[in-house]
């Protein structure tokens, strides 16, 4: 009886066309977006037809899959089809739900950091600069180059979906045995990338002067450049981690501080 069940789970219910469509549907990852669950709506919608095909009349399994995939997720849109393909192969194999859920939660964050670093902070600024240099000279190649590169990034979702799916089916045993190590390694990599980007996202500068001496330029920057953004980042982290302050309240705190400091010409 066990052999029969295993055989059924090894049957590929998804076709190459299905995986191609998964890659295309992943383009609408952010079509349904909220600050509570971020991309969860688009993430679940993109995969829904294929879950139905995998689970068929097993409504309970389909319901559990939908429930797990409507939880918070925020990852890189250009790379998301890799993760979708990988997890879809595990769904098809009927891998333990906790393993699938753990991999999803462990990989989407690092993939966001890696994807943003590759696409939005490397490829697109370089291509944008090249395209802008053509455009300023009246050369039509400028917008054409930018469009073609953007189109290529969009179309890459399809081979990425196949890559993730094939990786999942071929490496399923390795992933199951080492899922914790893989997730931890990917998390460390992603946090490293995000840590390096903090200085680009957080910017604080004091306008306060003591006589003719600028507290920012003549004092703080000479002791420790960018100490304010660093301190403010760790302050928010401390509130989030140690004091369990909700992210929504942190956003409100930042808004209020910005308004107050701007009004009194502190920053």
C-alpha atoms as a PDB file:
ATOM      1  CA  UNK A   1       0.000   0.000   0.000  1.00  0.00           C
ATOM      2  CA  UNK A   2       2.904   2.358   0.880  1.00  0.00           C
ATOM      3  CA  UNK A   3       4.534   1.610  -2.454  1.00  0.00           C
ATOM      4  CA  UNK A   4       1.374   2.565  -4.310  1.00  0.00           C
ATOM      5  CA  UNK A   5       1.114   5.885  -2.474  1.00  0.00           C
ATOM      6  CA  UNK A   6       4.741   6.729  -3.189  1.00  0.00           C
ATOM      7  CA  UNK A   7       4.271   5.943  -6.865  1.00  0.00           C
ATOM      8  CA  UNK A   8       1.293   8.265  -7.108  1.00  0.00           C
ATOM      9  CA  UNK A   9       3.304  11.063  -5.554  1.00  0.00           C
ATOM     10  CA  UNK A  10       6.137  10.532  -8.035  1.00  0.00           C
ATOM     11  CA  UNK A  11       3.827  11.054 -11.024  1.00  0.00           C
ATOM     12  CA  UNK A  12       4.379  14.458 -12.628  1.00  0.00           C
ATOM     13  CA  UNK A  13       1.007  16.152 -12.812  1.00  0.00           C
ATOM     14  CA  UNK A  14       2.449  19.427 -14.074  1.00  0.00           C
ATOM     15  CA  UNK A  15       3.621  19.848 -17.665  1.00  0.00           C
ATOM     16  CA  UNK A  16       6.278  22.130 -19.141  1.00  0.00           C
ATOM     17  CA  UNK A  17       3.441  24.415 -20.248  1.00  0.00           C
ATOM     18  CA  UNK A  18       2.202  24.622 -16.658  1.00  0.00           C
ATOM     19  CA  UNK A  19       5.621  25.707 -15.406  1.00  0.00           C
ATOM     20  CA  UNK A  20       5.887  28.244 -18.222  1.00  0.00           C
ATOM     21  CA  UNK A  21       2.499  29.652 -17.197  1.00  0.00           C
ATOM     22  CA  UNK A  22       3.677  29.717 -13.580  1.00  0.00           C
ATOM     23  CA  UNK A  23       6.567  31.944 -14.658  1.00  0.00           C
ATOM     24  CA  UNK A  24       4.214  34.260 -16.563  1.00  0.00           C
ATOM     25  CA  UNK A  25       1.674  34.456 -13.731  1.00  0.00           C
ATOM     26  CA  UNK A  26       4.478  35.301 -11.291  1.00  0.00           C
ATOM     27  CA  UNK A  27       4.662  38.702 -13.030  1.00  0.00           C
ATOM     28  CA  UNK A  28       1.515  39.705 -11.106  1.00  0.00           C
ATOM     29  CA  UNK A  29       3.134  39.002  -7.739  1.00  0.00           C
ATOM     30  CA  UNK A  30       2.455  42.558  -6.570  1.00  0.00           C
ATOM     31  CA  UNK A  31      -0.966  42.976  -8.175  1.00  0.00           C
ATOM     32  CA  UNK A  32      -2.504  42.319  -4.748  1.00  0.00           C
ATOM     33  CA  UNK A  33      -0.436  44.097  -2.107  1.00  0.00           C
ATOM     34  CA  UNK A  34      -0.989  45.033   1.537  1.00  0.00           C
ATOM     35  CA  UNK A  35       1.243  46.118   4.394  1.00  0.00           C
ATOM     36  CA  UNK A  36      -0.091  43.249   6.499  1.00  0.00           C
ATOM     37  CA  UNK A  37       0.814  40.381   4.140  1.00  0.00           C
ATOM     38  CA  UNK A  38       2.756  42.251   1.451  1.00  0.00           C
ATOM     39  CA  UNK A  39       2.789  40.046  -1.713  1.00  0.00           C
ATOM     40  CA  UNK A  40       0.807  37.092  -0.303  1.00  0.00           C
ATOM     41  CA  UNK A  41      -2.276  37.686  -2.488  1.00  0.00           C
ATOM     42  CA  UNK A  42      -0.348  37.753  -5.779  1.00  0.00           C
ATOM     43  CA  UNK A  43       1.890  34.886  -4.615  1.00  0.00           C
ATOM     44  CA  UNK A  44      -1.113  32.628  -3.933  1.00  0.00           C
ATOM     45  CA  UNK A  45      -2.988  33.689  -7.092  1.00  0.00           C
ATOM     46  CA  UNK A  46      -0.042  32.870  -9.349  1.00  0.00           C
ATOM     47  CA  UNK A  47       0.129  29.286  -8.055  1.00  0.00           C
ATOM     48  CA  UNK A  48      -3.558  28.537  -7.515  1.00  0.00           C
ATOM     49  CA  UNK A  49      -4.323  26.692 -10.815  1.00  0.00           C
ATOM     50  CA  UNK A  50      -1.341  24.397 -10.305  1.00  0.00           C
ATOM     51  CA  UNK A  51      -2.210  23.557  -6.701  1.00  0.00           C
ATOM     52  CA  UNK A  52      -5.684  22.600  -7.917  1.00  0.00           C
ATOM     53  CA  UNK A  53      -4.134  20.370 -10.566  1.00  0.00           C
ATOM     54  CA  UNK A  54      -1.817  18.708  -8.053  1.00  0.00           C
ATOM     55  CA  UNK A  55      -4.352  18.087  -5.289  1.00  0.00           C
ATOM     56  CA  UNK A  56      -7.433  17.457  -7.416  1.00  0.00           C
ATOM     57  CA  UNK A  57     -10.289  16.356  -5.148  1.00  0.00           C
ATOM     58  CA  UNK A  58      -8.173  16.520  -1.992  1.00  0.00           C
ATOM     59  CA  UNK A  59      -9.842  19.666  -0.661  1.00  0.00           C
ATOM     60  CA  UNK A  60      -8.186  19.419   2.750  1.00  0.00           C
ATOM     61  CA  UNK A  61      -4.650  19.430   1.309  1.00  0.00           C
ATOM     62  CA  UNK A  62      -5.542  22.280  -1.041  1.00  0.00           C
ATOM     63  CA  UNK A  63      -6.985  24.286   1.853  1.00  0.00           C
ATOM     64  CA  UNK A  64      -3.838  23.772   3.963  1.00  0.00           C
ATOM     65  CA  UNK A  65      -1.632  24.825   1.054  1.00  0.00           C
ATOM     66  CA  UNK A  66      -3.672  27.972   0.455  1.00  0.00           C
ATOM     67  CA  UNK A  67      -3.619  28.843   4.152  1.00  0.00           C
ATOM     68  CA  UNK A  68       0.170  28.491   4.376  1.00  0.00           C
ATOM     69  CA  UNK A  69       0.713  30.585   1.266  1.00  0.00           C
ATOM     70  CA  UNK A  70      -1.511  33.460   2.342  1.00  0.00           C
ATOM     71  CA  UNK A  71       0.916  34.303   5.128  1.00  0.00           C
ATOM     72  CA  UNK A  72       3.326  37.251   4.919  1.00  0.00           C
ATOM     73  CA  UNK A  73       5.854  37.169   2.060  1.00  0.00           C
ATOM     74  CA  UNK A  74       7.988  39.911   0.557  1.00  0.00           C
ATOM     75  CA  UNK A  75      10.581  38.865  -1.995  1.00  0.00           C
ATOM     76  CA  UNK A  76      12.217  39.914  -5.265  1.00  0.00           C
ATOM     77  CA  UNK A  77       9.706  39.966  -8.170  1.00  0.00           C
ATOM     78  CA  UNK A  78      12.309  39.154 -10.882  1.00  0.00           C
ATOM     79  CA  UNK A  79      13.509  36.071  -8.951  1.00  0.00           C
ATOM     80  CA  UNK A  80      10.239  34.909  -7.391  1.00  0.00           C
ATOM     81  CA  UNK A  81       9.530  32.330 -10.130  1.00  0.00           C
ATOM     82  CA  UNK A  82      12.610  30.351  -8.993  1.00  0.00           C
ATOM     83  CA  UNK A  83      11.101  30.025  -5.524  1.00  0.00           C
ATOM     84  CA  UNK A  84       7.655  29.255  -6.929  1.00  0.00           C
ATOM     85  CA  UNK A  85       9.053  26.537  -9.203  1.00  0.00           C
ATOM     86  CA  UNK A  86      11.076  25.009  -6.370  1.00  0.00           C
ATOM     87  CA  UNK A  87       8.162  24.898  -3.948  1.00  0.00           C
ATOM     88  CA  UNK A  88       5.766  23.693  -6.657  1.00  0.00           C
ATOM     89  CA  UNK A  89       7.969  20.649  -7.233  1.00  0.00           C
ATOM     90  CA  UNK A  90       7.808  19.903  -3.512  1.00  0.00           C
ATOM     91  CA  UNK A  91       4.025  20.288  -3.509  1.00  0.00           C
ATOM     92  CA  UNK A  92       3.859  17.841  -6.403  1.00  0.00           C
ATOM     93  CA  UNK A  93       5.943  15.353  -4.412  1.00  0.00           C
ATOM     94  CA  UNK A  94       3.621  15.844  -1.419  1.00  0.00           C
ATOM     95  CA  UNK A  95       6.552  16.792   0.797  1.00  0.00           C
ATOM     96  CA  UNK A  96       5.758  17.442   4.466  1.00  0.00           C
ATOM     97  CA  UNK A  97       3.966  20.788   4.813  1.00  0.00           C
ATOM     98  CA  UNK A  98       6.318  22.048   7.502  1.00  0.00           C
ATOM     99  CA  UNK A  99       9.300  21.439   5.200  1.00  0.00           C
ATOM    100  CA  UNK A 100       7.680  23.377   2.338  1.00  0.00           C
ATOM    101  CA  UNK A 101       6.594  26.184   4.646  1.00  0.00           C
ATOM    102  CA  UNK A 102      10.009  26.351   6.308  1.00  0.00           C
ATOM    103  CA  UNK A 103      11.808  26.609   2.975  1.00  0.00           C
ATOM    104  CA  UNK A 104       9.475  29.336   1.787  1.00  0.00           C
ATOM    105  CA  UNK A 105       9.921  31.385   4.964  1.00  0.00           C
ATOM    106  CA  UNK A 106      13.656  30.754   5.009  1.00  0.00           C
ATOM    107  CA  UNK A 107      14.328  31.673   1.384  1.00  0.00           C
ATOM    108  CA  UNK A 108      12.043  34.551   0.442  1.00  0.00           C
ATOM    109  CA  UNK A 109      13.916  37.105   2.568  1.00  0.00           C
ATOM    110  CA  UNK A 110      17.433  36.312   1.341  1.00  0.00           C
ATOM    111  CA  UNK A 111      16.131  36.114  -2.238  1.00  0.00           C
ATOM    112  CA  UNK A 112      14.697  39.622  -1.818  1.00  0.00           C
ATOM    113  CA  UNK A 113      18.066  40.977  -0.739  1.00  0.00           C
ATOM    114  CA  UNK A 114      19.953  39.213  -3.505  1.00  0.00           C
ATOM    115  CA  UNK A 115      17.413  40.140  -6.210  1.00  0.00           C
ATOM    116  CA  UNK A 116      17.287  43.812  -5.215  1.00  0.00           C
ATOM    117  CA  UNK A 117      21.086  43.998  -5.127  1.00  0.00           C
ATOM    118  CA  UNK A 118      21.429  42.395  -8.563  1.00  0.00           C
ATOM    119  CA  UNK A 119      18.566  44.073 -10.419  1.00  0.00           C
ATOM    120  CA  UNK A 120      17.603  47.400  -8.842  1.00  0.00           C
ATOM    121  CA  UNK A 121      21.019  48.396  -7.443  1.00  0.00           C
ATOM    122  CA  UNK A 122      23.286  47.016 -10.162  1.00  0.00           C
ATOM    123  CA  UNK A 123      21.745  46.149 -13.543  1.00  0.00           C
ATOM    124  CA  UNK A 124      19.034  48.816 -13.809  1.00  0.00           C
ATOM    125  CA  UNK A 125      21.141  51.807 -12.626  1.00  0.00           C
ATOM    126  CA  UNK A 126      23.905  50.858 -15.083  1.00  0.00           C
ATOM    127  CA  UNK A 127      21.471  50.323 -17.963  1.00  0.00           C
ATOM    128  CA  UNK A 128      19.576  53.482 -16.983  1.00  0.00           C
ATOM    129  CA  UNK A 129      22.783  55.491 -17.056  1.00  0.00           C
ATOM    130  CA  UNK A 130      23.744  54.163 -20.484  1.00  0.00           C
ATOM    131  CA  UNK A 131      20.221  54.682 -21.853  1.00  0.00           C
ATOM    132  CA  UNK A 132      20.061  58.203 -20.400  1.00  0.00           C
ATOM    133  CA  UNK A 133      23.375  59.134 -22.032  1.00  0.00           C
ATOM    134  CA  UNK A 134      21.969  58.103 -25.432  1.00  0.00           C
ATOM    135  CA  UNK A 135      18.642  59.831 -24.774  1.00  0.00           C
ATOM    136  CA  UNK A 136      20.222  63.175 -23.801  1.00  0.00           C
ATOM    137  CA  UNK A 137      21.897  63.233 -27.216  1.00  0.00           C
ATOM    138  CA  UNK A 138      18.588  62.609 -28.964  1.00  0.00           C
ATOM    139  CA  UNK A 139      19.488  59.016 -29.848  1.00  0.00           C
ATOM    140  CA  UNK A 140      16.461  56.691 -29.944  1.00  0.00           C
ATOM    141  CA  UNK A 141      18.697  53.806 -28.834  1.00  0.00           C
ATOM    142  CA  UNK A 142      18.366  55.104 -25.247  1.00  0.00           C
ATOM    143  CA  UNK A 143      14.733  54.119 -24.576  1.00  0.00           C
ATOM    144  CA  UNK A 144      15.047  51.050 -26.828  1.00  0.00           C
ATOM    145  CA  UNK A 145      17.986  49.677 -24.812  1.00  0.00           C
ATOM    146  CA  UNK A 146      16.195  50.302 -21.506  1.00  0.00           C
ATOM    147  CA  UNK A 147      12.988  48.665 -22.768  1.00  0.00           C
ATOM    148  CA  UNK A 148      14.797  45.601 -24.140  1.00  0.00           C
ATOM    149  CA  UNK A 149      16.700  45.027 -20.902  1.00  0.00           C
ATOM    150  CA  UNK A 150      13.507  45.417 -18.864  1.00  0.00           C
ATOM    151  CA  UNK A 151      11.727  43.023 -21.237  1.00  0.00           C
ATOM    152  CA  UNK A 152      14.568  40.495 -20.864  1.00  0.00           C
ATOM    153  CA  UNK A 153      14.256  40.677 -17.070  1.00  0.00           C
ATOM    154  CA  UNK A 154      10.527  40.048 -17.408  1.00  0.00           C
ATOM    155  CA  UNK A 155      10.982  37.076 -19.767  1.00  0.00           C
ATOM    156  CA  UNK A 156      13.634  35.533 -17.511  1.00  0.00           C
ATOM    157  CA  UNK A 157      10.794  34.585 -15.153  1.00  0.00           C
ATOM    158  CA  UNK A 158       9.950  31.657 -17.451  1.00  0.00           C
ATOM    159  CA  UNK A 159      13.369  29.892 -17.493  1.00  0.00           C
ATOM    160  CA  UNK A 160      13.748  30.737 -13.800  1.00  0.00           C
ATOM    161  CA  UNK A 161      10.481  28.907 -13.042  1.00  0.00           C
ATOM    162  CA  UNK A 162      11.734  25.830 -14.932  1.00  0.00           C
ATOM    163  CA  UNK A 163      15.093  26.080 -13.154  1.00  0.00           C
ATOM    164  CA  UNK A 164      13.442  26.136  -9.726  1.00  0.00           C
ATOM    165  CA  UNK A 165      11.068  23.314 -10.621  1.00  0.00           C
ATOM    166  CA  UNK A 166      13.806  21.070 -12.022  1.00  0.00           C
ATOM    167  CA  UNK A 167      16.085  21.803  -9.097  1.00  0.00           C
ATOM    168  CA  UNK A 168      13.317  20.835  -6.702  1.00  0.00           C
ATOM    169  CA  UNK A 169      12.495  17.521  -8.351  1.00  0.00           C
ATOM    170  CA  UNK A 170      16.137  16.486  -8.732  1.00  0.00           C
ATOM    171  CA  UNK A 171      17.343  17.629  -5.337  1.00  0.00           C
ATOM    172  CA  UNK A 172      14.316  16.859  -3.195  1.00  0.00           C
ATOM    173  CA  UNK A 173      16.073  14.367  -0.896  1.00  0.00           C
ATOM    174  CA  UNK A 174      19.006  16.735  -0.336  1.00  0.00           C
ATOM    175  CA  UNK A 175      16.648  19.607   0.417  1.00  0.00           C
ATOM    176  CA  UNK A 176      14.644  17.552   2.903  1.00  0.00           C
ATOM    177  CA  UNK A 177      17.764  16.379   4.713  1.00  0.00           C
ATOM    178  CA  UNK A 178      19.462  19.779   4.716  1.00  0.00           C
ATOM    179  CA  UNK A 179      16.587  22.256   4.581  1.00  0.00           C
ATOM    180  CA  UNK A 180      17.584  23.908   7.859  1.00  0.00           C
ATOM    181  CA  UNK A 181      21.203  24.385   6.711  1.00  0.00           C
ATOM    182  CA  UNK A 182      20.136  25.673   3.285  1.00  0.00           C
ATOM    183  CA  UNK A 183      17.654  28.126   4.788  1.00  0.00           C
ATOM    184  CA  UNK A 184      20.190  29.356   7.363  1.00  0.00           C
ATOM    185  CA  UNK A 185      22.918  29.815   4.741  1.00  0.00           C
ATOM    186  CA  UNK A 186      20.575  31.707   2.436  1.00  0.00           C
ATOM    187  CA  UNK A 187      19.372  33.841   5.364  1.00  0.00           C
ATOM    188  CA  UNK A 188      22.935  34.807   6.301  1.00  0.00           C
ATOM    189  CA  UNK A 189      23.669  35.709   2.676  1.00  0.00           C
ATOM    190  CA  UNK A 190      20.542  37.806   2.388  1.00  0.00           C
ATOM    191  CA  UNK A 191      21.139  39.593   5.701  1.00  0.00           C
ATOM    192  CA  UNK A 192      24.683  40.398   4.589  1.00  0.00           C
ATOM    193  CA  UNK A 193      23.342  42.038   1.437  1.00  0.00           C
ATOM    194  CA  UNK A 194      20.614  43.914   3.328  1.00  0.00           C
ATOM    195  CA  UNK A 195      23.127  45.054   5.942  1.00  0.00           C
ATOM    196  CA  UNK A 196      25.312  46.530   3.222  1.00  0.00           C
ATOM    197  CA  UNK A 197      22.307  48.394   1.783  1.00  0.00           C
ATOM    198  CA  UNK A 198      21.188  50.012   5.048  1.00  0.00           C
ATOM    199  CA  UNK A 199      23.467  52.998   4.514  1.00  0.00           C
ATOM    200  CA  UNK A 200      21.708  53.661   1.191  1.00  0.00           C
ATOM    201  CA  UNK A 201      18.210  53.506   2.687  1.00  0.00           C
ATOM    202  CA  UNK A 202      18.737  55.434   5.937  1.00  0.00           C
ATOM    203  CA  UNK A 203      19.871  59.047   5.808  1.00  0.00           C
ATOM    204  CA  UNK A 204      19.944  61.499   8.718  1.00  0.00           C
ATOM    205  CA  UNK A 205      21.671  64.868   8.946  1.00  0.00           C
ATOM    206  CA  UNK A 206      21.499  67.408  11.783  1.00  0.00           C
ATOM    207  CA  UNK A 207      21.099  71.100  10.964  1.00  0.00           C
ATOM    208  CA  UNK A 208      21.894  72.139  14.522  1.00  0.00           C
ATOM    209  CA  UNK A 209      24.793  74.579  14.980  1.00  0.00           C
ATOM    210  CA  UNK A 210      26.619  75.679  18.100  1.00  0.00           C
ATOM    211  CA  UNK A 211      27.778  79.144  17.167  1.00  0.00           C
ATOM    212  CA  UNK A 212      29.430  78.702  13.781  1.00  0.00           C
ATOM    213  CA  UNK A 213      30.175  75.017  14.371  1.00  0.00           C
ATOM    214  CA  UNK A 214      27.938  72.483  12.618  1.00  0.00           C
ATOM    215  CA  UNK A 215      27.155  69.620  14.992  1.00  0.00           C
ATOM    216  CA  UNK A 216      26.896  67.258  12.027  1.00  0.00           C
ATOM    217  CA  UNK A 217      29.739  68.246   9.680  1.00  0.00           C
ATOM    218  CA  UNK A 218      32.278  69.636  12.133  1.00  0.00           C
ATOM    219  CA  UNK A 219      31.729  67.201  14.998  1.00  0.00           C
ATOM    220  CA  UNK A 220      29.829  63.946  14.385  1.00  0.00           C
ATOM    221  CA  UNK A 221      31.131  63.270  10.850  1.00  0.00           C
ATOM    222  CA  UNK A 222      34.724  63.706  12.002  1.00  0.00           C
ATOM    223  CA  UNK A 223      34.309  61.311  14.909  1.00  0.00           C
ATOM    224  CA  UNK A 224      32.170  58.655  13.211  1.00  0.00           C
ATOM    225  CA  UNK A 225      30.701  59.347   9.717  1.00  0.00           C
ATOM    226  CA  UNK A 226      27.061  58.220   9.380  1.00  0.00           C
ATOM    227  CA  UNK A 227      26.788  57.456  13.095  1.00  0.00           C
ATOM    228  CA  UNK A 228      23.242  58.903  13.214  1.00  0.00           C
ATOM    229  CA  UNK A 229      21.743  56.577  10.541  1.00  0.00           C
ATOM    230  CA  UNK A 230      23.494  53.630  12.214  1.00  0.00           C
ATOM    231  CA  UNK A 231      22.237  54.577  15.678  1.00  0.00           C
ATOM    232  CA  UNK A 232      18.696  55.205  14.435  1.00  0.00           C
ATOM    233  CA  UNK A 233      18.626  51.820  12.647  1.00  0.00           C
ATOM    234  CA  UNK A 234      19.735  50.009  15.798  1.00  0.00           C
ATOM    235  CA  UNK A 235      17.228  52.003  17.847  1.00  0.00           C
ATOM    236  CA  UNK A 236      14.360  50.807  15.622  1.00  0.00           C
ATOM    237  CA  UNK A 237      15.743  47.261  15.721  1.00  0.00           C
ATOM    238  CA  UNK A 238      15.866  47.422  19.515  1.00  0.00           C
ATOM    239  CA  UNK A 239      12.246  48.570  19.677  1.00  0.00           C
ATOM    240  CA  UNK A 240      11.173  45.834  17.263  1.00  0.00           C
ATOM    241  CA  UNK A 241      13.188  42.977  18.774  1.00  0.00           C
ATOM    242  CA  UNK A 242      13.410  43.721  22.469  1.00  0.00           C
ATOM    243  CA  UNK A 243      10.330  45.836  23.148  1.00  0.00           C
ATOM    244  CA  UNK A 244       8.103  43.969  20.651  1.00  0.00           C
ATOM    245  CA  UNK A 245       6.869  47.229  19.104  1.00  0.00           C
ATOM    246  CA  UNK A 246       4.781  46.551  15.998  1.00  0.00           C
ATOM    247  CA  UNK A 247       6.125  47.609  12.580  1.00  0.00           C
ATOM    248  CA  UNK A 248       3.061  49.831  12.067  1.00  0.00           C
ATOM    249  CA  UNK A 249       3.845  51.754  15.264  1.00  0.00           C
ATOM    250  CA  UNK A 250       7.487  52.097  14.186  1.00  0.00           C
ATOM    251  CA  UNK A 251       6.343  53.658  10.906  1.00  0.00           C
ATOM    252  CA  UNK A 252       4.193  56.125  12.867  1.00  0.00           C
ATOM    253  CA  UNK A 253       7.149  56.944  15.160  1.00  0.00           C
ATOM    254  CA  UNK A 254       9.386  57.641  12.159  1.00  0.00           C
ATOM    255  CA  UNK A 255       6.750  59.869  10.541  1.00  0.00           C
ATOM    256  CA  UNK A 256       6.205  61.849  13.746  1.00  0.00           C
ATOM    257  CA  UNK A 257       9.946  62.280  14.341  1.00  0.00           C
ATOM    258  CA  UNK A 258      10.452  63.468  10.754  1.00  0.00           C
ATOM    259  CA  UNK A 259       7.637  66.035  11.016  1.00  0.00           C
ATOM    260  CA  UNK A 260       8.749  67.328  14.428  1.00  0.00           C
ATOM    261  CA  UNK A 261      12.442  67.526  13.508  1.00  0.00           C
ATOM    262  CA  UNK A 262      11.630  69.254  10.215  1.00  0.00           C
ATOM    263  CA  UNK A 263       9.290  71.761  11.868  1.00  0.00           C
ATOM    264  CA  UNK A 264      11.904  72.769  14.450  1.00  0.00           C
ATOM    265  CA  UNK A 265      14.654  72.726  11.789  1.00  0.00           C
ATOM    266  CA  UNK A 266      16.609  70.063  13.659  1.00  0.00           C
ATOM    267  CA  UNK A 267      17.123  67.880  10.565  1.00  0.00           C
END
